[in-house]
């Protein structure tokens, strides 16, 4: 495992975790805004899908999550969030064993500079140290909240996944990350990236326009909103929220703690 300063990292990691009780408060606010407060035109763009479709907070809405009641314990909330792990065999947008003891759900998007920093600096360490030995599974979720180019890039990720090339595409996108809303993230640019990682260009462009890809992106985006995510990157590590591109050693500590809890039979 990576070397780390064990005298200080643990306490720092705990300070940077978002307590599930705080997330529950966010859920209550989100539910009010999305279910009871939709009458006005104002508000942040992050409270509505970038496709312009309405979003929900669980229940019968696809992509939502049924959360415990407002008086639920933190353990019940974490358990509900942990259940969001899909663990689908052959999921092209997941890395690691389907039965890994720890699952990290990553709400991310290709225009976010902090997502880029996580992908370039932290993700390779987690893959080498935990994914490859079967301890950790990473599941990507689209959260394209920064604008129309974010949504186009998310659709491109789905098109790459259709050719089993999502993670190669993700790496290439973040290595050559464009400034947010620069006008550069066009279908042609994205197809160039896809070709760069060995994907079929014409098939990629066809899949980019598919209804299936659009529905999948909307489902992920809605899922994130339904649990109170408002920005990226945001993570759930066995249901425990971690917000932002924290230093790599913080993620190492969080994964180690989750592994210890899993081994103890939590």
Protein backbone atom coordinates (compact mmCIF):
# COMPACT_ATOMS: atom_id res chain seq x y z
CA UNK A 1 0.00 0.00 0.00
CA UNK A 2 1.17 3.59 -0.51
CA UNK A 3 3.25 5.13 2.23
CA UNK A 4 1.40 7.77 4.21
CA UNK A 5 1.64 9.91 7.30
CA UNK A 6 -0.56 7.84 9.59
CA UNK A 7 -0.31 10.30 12.47
CA UNK A 8 -2.21 13.02 10.64
CA UNK A 9 -3.91 11.59 7.57
CA UNK A 10 -6.67 9.77 9.43
CA UNK A 11 -7.92 12.82 11.25
CA UNK A 12 -7.66 14.90 8.08
CA UNK A 13 -9.63 12.31 6.12
CA UNK A 14 -12.39 12.31 8.72
CA UNK A 15 -12.59 16.10 8.59
CA UNK A 16 -12.99 16.01 4.80
CA UNK A 17 -15.76 13.44 4.77
CA UNK A 18 -19.25 14.84 4.40
CA UNK A 19 -21.24 13.44 7.36
CA UNK A 20 -24.28 11.50 6.21
CA UNK A 21 -26.41 13.62 8.53
CA UNK A 22 -25.35 16.70 6.56
CA UNK A 23 -26.21 14.92 3.34
CA UNK A 24 -29.67 14.17 4.73
CA UNK A 25 -30.20 17.91 5.24
CA UNK A 26 -29.14 18.49 1.63
CA UNK A 27 -31.62 15.85 0.55
CA UNK A 28 -34.45 17.59 2.37
CA UNK A 29 -33.61 20.91 0.68
CA UNK A 30 -33.23 19.24 -2.72
CA UNK A 31 -36.55 17.45 -2.33
CA UNK A 32 -38.29 20.72 -1.49
CA UNK A 33 -36.76 22.56 -4.43
CA UNK A 34 -37.42 19.82 -6.95
CA UNK A 35 -40.82 18.65 -5.77
CA UNK A 36 -42.39 21.63 -4.07
CA UNK A 37 -40.60 24.71 -5.27
CA UNK A 38 -40.57 24.50 -9.03
CA UNK A 39 -42.79 27.48 -9.70
CA UNK A 40 -40.12 30.09 -10.37
CA UNK A 41 -37.73 30.70 -13.20
CA UNK A 42 -34.72 31.55 -11.03
CA UNK A 43 -32.22 29.27 -9.41
CA UNK A 44 -28.95 27.56 -10.16
CA UNK A 45 -28.63 25.51 -13.33
CA UNK A 46 -27.35 22.62 -11.22
CA UNK A 47 -30.87 21.94 -9.92
CA UNK A 48 -32.13 20.85 -13.33
CA UNK A 49 -30.80 18.42 -15.89
CA UNK A 50 -28.61 19.98 -18.53
CA UNK A 51 -30.89 18.44 -21.12
CA UNK A 52 -33.69 20.64 -19.86
CA UNK A 53 -35.64 17.69 -18.46
CA UNK A 54 -37.08 17.80 -14.98
CA UNK A 55 -35.37 15.76 -12.31
CA UNK A 56 -36.60 13.94 -9.26
CA UNK A 57 -35.51 12.79 -5.85
CA UNK A 58 -36.13 9.07 -5.94
CA UNK A 59 -39.26 7.02 -5.58
CA UNK A 60 -40.81 6.40 -8.98
CA UNK A 61 -38.36 8.65 -10.86
CA UNK A 62 -35.75 6.71 -12.83
CA UNK A 63 -32.28 7.40 -11.49
CA UNK A 64 -33.42 8.52 -8.03
CA UNK A 65 -32.91 6.78 -4.73
CA UNK A 66 -35.39 5.98 -1.99
CA UNK A 67 -33.83 7.54 1.09
CA UNK A 68 -34.77 6.80 4.72
CA UNK A 69 -37.11 9.08 6.62
CA UNK A 70 -35.85 12.38 8.00
CA UNK A 71 -35.30 10.88 11.45
CA UNK A 72 -33.15 8.02 10.13
CA UNK A 73 -29.81 7.30 11.70
CA UNK A 74 -26.56 8.07 9.93
CA UNK A 75 -25.97 4.34 9.56
CA UNK A 76 -29.29 3.94 7.73
CA UNK A 77 -28.45 6.83 5.41
CA UNK A 78 -25.00 5.44 4.59
CA UNK A 79 -26.57 2.04 3.93
CA UNK A 80 -29.06 3.61 1.50
CA UNK A 81 -26.25 5.44 -0.30
CA UNK A 82 -24.17 2.26 -0.41
CA UNK A 83 -27.04 0.54 -2.22
CA UNK A 84 -26.47 2.88 -5.19
CA UNK A 85 -23.51 0.72 -6.22
CA UNK A 86 -24.71 -1.11 -9.33
CA UNK A 87 -22.14 -3.92 -9.40
CA UNK A 88 -23.19 -4.82 -12.95
CA UNK A 89 -21.09 -7.55 -14.53
CA UNK A 90 -19.36 -6.22 -17.63
CA UNK A 91 -20.20 -2.57 -16.94
CA UNK A 92 -17.86 -0.69 -19.33
CA UNK A 93 -17.95 2.39 -17.07
CA UNK A 94 -16.67 0.55 -14.02
CA UNK A 95 -13.19 -0.62 -13.04
CA UNK A 96 -12.56 -3.57 -10.77
CA UNK A 97 -14.18 -6.77 -9.57
CA UNK A 98 -17.95 -6.80 -9.37
CA UNK A 99 -17.73 -8.26 -5.85
CA UNK A 100 -14.95 -5.99 -4.53
CA UNK A 101 -15.42 -5.22 -0.81
CA UNK A 102 -15.26 -1.46 -1.46
CA UNK A 103 -17.09 0.44 -4.18
CA UNK A 104 -16.31 4.06 -4.97
CA UNK A 105 -19.04 5.81 -6.94
CA UNK A 106 -17.61 8.84 -8.72
CA UNK A 107 -19.93 11.64 -9.85
CA UNK A 108 -17.78 13.38 -12.41
CA UNK A 109 -17.72 15.34 -15.64
CA UNK A 110 -15.19 16.03 -18.37
CA UNK A 111 -15.11 19.84 -18.15
CA UNK A 112 -14.45 19.98 -14.40
CA UNK A 113 -10.79 20.85 -13.70
CA UNK A 114 -10.93 19.19 -10.28
CA UNK A 115 -12.24 15.99 -11.86
CA UNK A 116 -9.25 16.19 -14.17
CA UNK A 117 -6.87 16.54 -11.26
CA UNK A 118 -8.40 13.51 -9.54
CA UNK A 119 -8.21 11.47 -12.76
CA UNK A 120 -4.58 12.38 -13.43
CA UNK A 121 -3.16 12.27 -9.90
CA UNK A 122 -5.29 10.04 -7.67
CA UNK A 123 -7.16 7.57 -9.84
CA UNK A 124 -4.00 5.83 -11.14
CA UNK A 125 -2.80 5.28 -7.56
CA UNK A 126 -6.14 3.80 -6.49
CA UNK A 127 -6.22 1.55 -9.56
CA UNK A 128 -2.70 0.25 -9.00
CA UNK A 129 -3.00 -0.24 -5.25
CA UNK A 130 -6.62 -1.34 -4.80
CA UNK A 131 -8.47 -2.03 -8.06
CA UNK A 132 -5.88 -4.40 -9.44
CA UNK A 133 -5.84 -6.56 -6.30
CA UNK A 134 -9.64 -6.81 -6.18
CA UNK A 135 -10.14 -4.57 -3.14
CA UNK A 136 -11.81 -1.63 -4.88
CA UNK A 137 -14.30 -1.09 -7.66
CA UNK A 138 -14.74 2.38 -9.20
CA UNK A 139 -18.06 3.19 -10.86
CA UNK A 140 -18.36 6.35 -12.97
CA UNK A 141 -21.53 8.44 -12.88
CA UNK A 142 -22.15 11.28 -15.35
CA UNK A 143 -22.85 14.62 -13.67
CA UNK A 144 -22.64 17.12 -16.56
CA UNK A 145 -23.59 20.28 -14.71
CA UNK A 146 -21.27 22.89 -16.23
CA UNK A 147 -23.10 23.39 -19.52
CA UNK A 148 -24.01 21.97 -22.89
CA UNK A 149 -20.43 20.96 -23.69
CA UNK A 150 -20.45 18.91 -20.50
CA UNK A 151 -23.48 17.02 -21.72
CA UNK A 152 -21.94 16.49 -25.17
CA UNK A 153 -18.80 15.11 -23.52
CA UNK A 154 -20.89 12.83 -21.29
CA UNK A 155 -22.66 11.46 -24.36
CA UNK A 156 -19.23 10.91 -25.91
CA UNK A 157 -18.20 8.90 -22.88
CA UNK A 158 -21.22 6.68 -23.43
CA UNK A 159 -20.31 6.32 -27.10
CA UNK A 160 -16.80 5.25 -26.09
CA UNK A 161 -18.26 2.81 -23.57
CA UNK A 162 -20.31 1.22 -26.36
CA UNK A 163 -16.98 0.15 -27.86
CA UNK A 164 -15.56 -0.86 -24.45
CA UNK A 165 -13.21 2.10 -24.57
CA UNK A 166 -14.58 4.37 -21.85
CA UNK A 167 -11.57 4.39 -19.54
CA UNK A 168 -9.09 4.96 -22.36
CA UNK A 169 -11.33 7.80 -23.57
CA UNK A 170 -11.57 9.21 -20.04
CA UNK A 171 -7.80 9.24 -19.66
CA UNK A 172 -7.30 10.93 -23.02
CA UNK A 173 -9.98 13.54 -22.30
CA UNK A 174 -8.43 14.52 -19.00
CA UNK A 175 -4.90 14.50 -20.38
CA UNK A 176 -6.02 17.00 -23.02
CA UNK A 177 -8.69 18.71 -20.93
CA UNK A 178 -10.22 21.80 -22.47
CA UNK A 179 -11.24 24.93 -20.50
CA UNK A 180 -14.90 24.84 -19.45
CA UNK A 181 -17.32 26.09 -22.09
CA UNK A 182 -14.52 27.07 -24.46
CA UNK A 183 -16.47 26.02 -27.53
CA UNK A 184 -13.84 23.40 -28.31
CA UNK A 185 -15.67 20.30 -27.07
CA UNK A 186 -17.46 19.55 -30.32
CA UNK A 187 -18.45 16.19 -31.84
CA UNK A 188 -15.45 16.43 -34.20
CA UNK A 189 -13.05 17.09 -31.31
CA UNK A 190 -14.53 14.19 -29.35
CA UNK A 191 -14.33 11.90 -32.37
CA UNK A 192 -10.66 12.84 -32.73
CA UNK A 193 -10.09 11.77 -29.13
CA UNK A 194 -11.97 8.54 -29.78
CA UNK A 195 -9.82 7.78 -32.82
CA UNK A 196 -6.72 8.57 -30.78
CA UNK A 197 -7.56 5.73 -28.38
CA UNK A 198 -8.39 3.29 -31.19
CA UNK A 199 -12.17 3.58 -31.48
CA UNK A 200 -14.13 3.49 -34.71
CA UNK A 201 -14.92 7.10 -35.55
CA UNK A 202 -18.16 6.60 -37.49
CA UNK A 203 -19.60 4.19 -34.92
CA UNK A 204 -18.62 6.63 -32.19
CA UNK A 205 -20.43 9.52 -33.89
CA UNK A 206 -23.52 7.36 -34.39
CA UNK A 207 -23.58 6.28 -30.75
CA UNK A 208 -23.02 9.88 -29.67
CA UNK A 209 -26.49 10.69 -31.02
CA UNK A 210 -28.26 7.66 -29.59
CA UNK A 211 -31.33 7.91 -27.37
CA UNK A 212 -29.86 5.18 -25.18
CA UNK A 213 -26.80 7.29 -24.40
CA UNK A 214 -28.95 10.32 -23.62
CA UNK A 215 -31.18 8.32 -21.27
CA UNK A 216 -28.17 6.87 -19.45
CA UNK A 217 -26.61 10.30 -18.93
CA UNK A 218 -29.92 11.67 -17.66
CA UNK A 219 -30.29 8.75 -15.26
CA UNK A 220 -26.86 9.34 -13.73
CA UNK A 221 -27.36 13.09 -13.48
CA UNK A 222 -30.72 12.64 -11.83
CA UNK A 223 -29.32 10.10 -9.39
CA UNK A 224 -26.65 12.53 -8.25
CA UNK A 225 -29.13 15.36 -7.84
CA UNK A 226 -31.49 13.12 -5.90
CA UNK A 227 -28.89 12.64 -3.15
CA UNK A 228 -27.83 16.28 -2.98
CA UNK A 229 -24.80 16.38 -5.29
CA UNK A 230 -24.37 19.92 -6.63
CA UNK A 231 -20.82 19.84 -8.02
CA UNK A 232 -17.98 17.57 -9.01
CA UNK A 233 -16.13 15.51 -8.22
CA UNK A 234 -18.25 13.88 -5.55
CA UNK A 235 -17.73 10.34 -4.28
CA UNK A 236 -19.46 7.66 -2.27
CA UNK A 237 -17.07 5.12 -0.75
CA UNK A 238 -19.24 2.26 0.50
CA UNK A 239 -21.91 4.90 1.04
CA UNK A 240 -19.72 7.40 2.84
CA UNK A 241 -19.69 10.75 0.99
CA UNK A 242 -16.36 12.38 0.15
CA UNK A 243 -16.51 15.75 -1.56
CA UNK A 244 -13.95 17.23 -3.92
CA UNK A 245 -10.57 16.28 -5.36
CA UNK A 246 -8.92 15.72 -2.00
CA UNK A 247 -5.23 14.77 -1.78
CA UNK A 248 -4.45 11.22 -2.77
CA UNK A 249 -3.51 10.18 0.74
CA UNK A 250 -6.99 11.16 1.94
CA UNK A 251 -8.57 8.78 -0.55
CA UNK A 252 -6.10 6.08 0.47
CA UNK A 253 -7.13 6.55 4.11
CA UNK A 254 -10.84 6.45 3.26
CA UNK A 255 -10.45 3.28 1.20
CA UNK A 256 -8.35 1.65 3.94
CA UNK A 257 -11.02 2.47 6.53
CA UNK A 258 -13.75 1.06 4.27
CA UNK A 259 -11.71 -2.11 3.75
CA UNK A 260 -11.24 -2.52 7.50
CA UNK A 261 -14.97 -2.08 8.08
CA UNK A 262 -15.79 -4.57 5.32
CA UNK A 263 -13.40 -7.12 6.77
CA UNK A 264 -14.96 -6.64 10.20
CA UNK A 265 -18.30 -7.68 8.73
CA UNK A 266 -20.03 -4.30 8.76
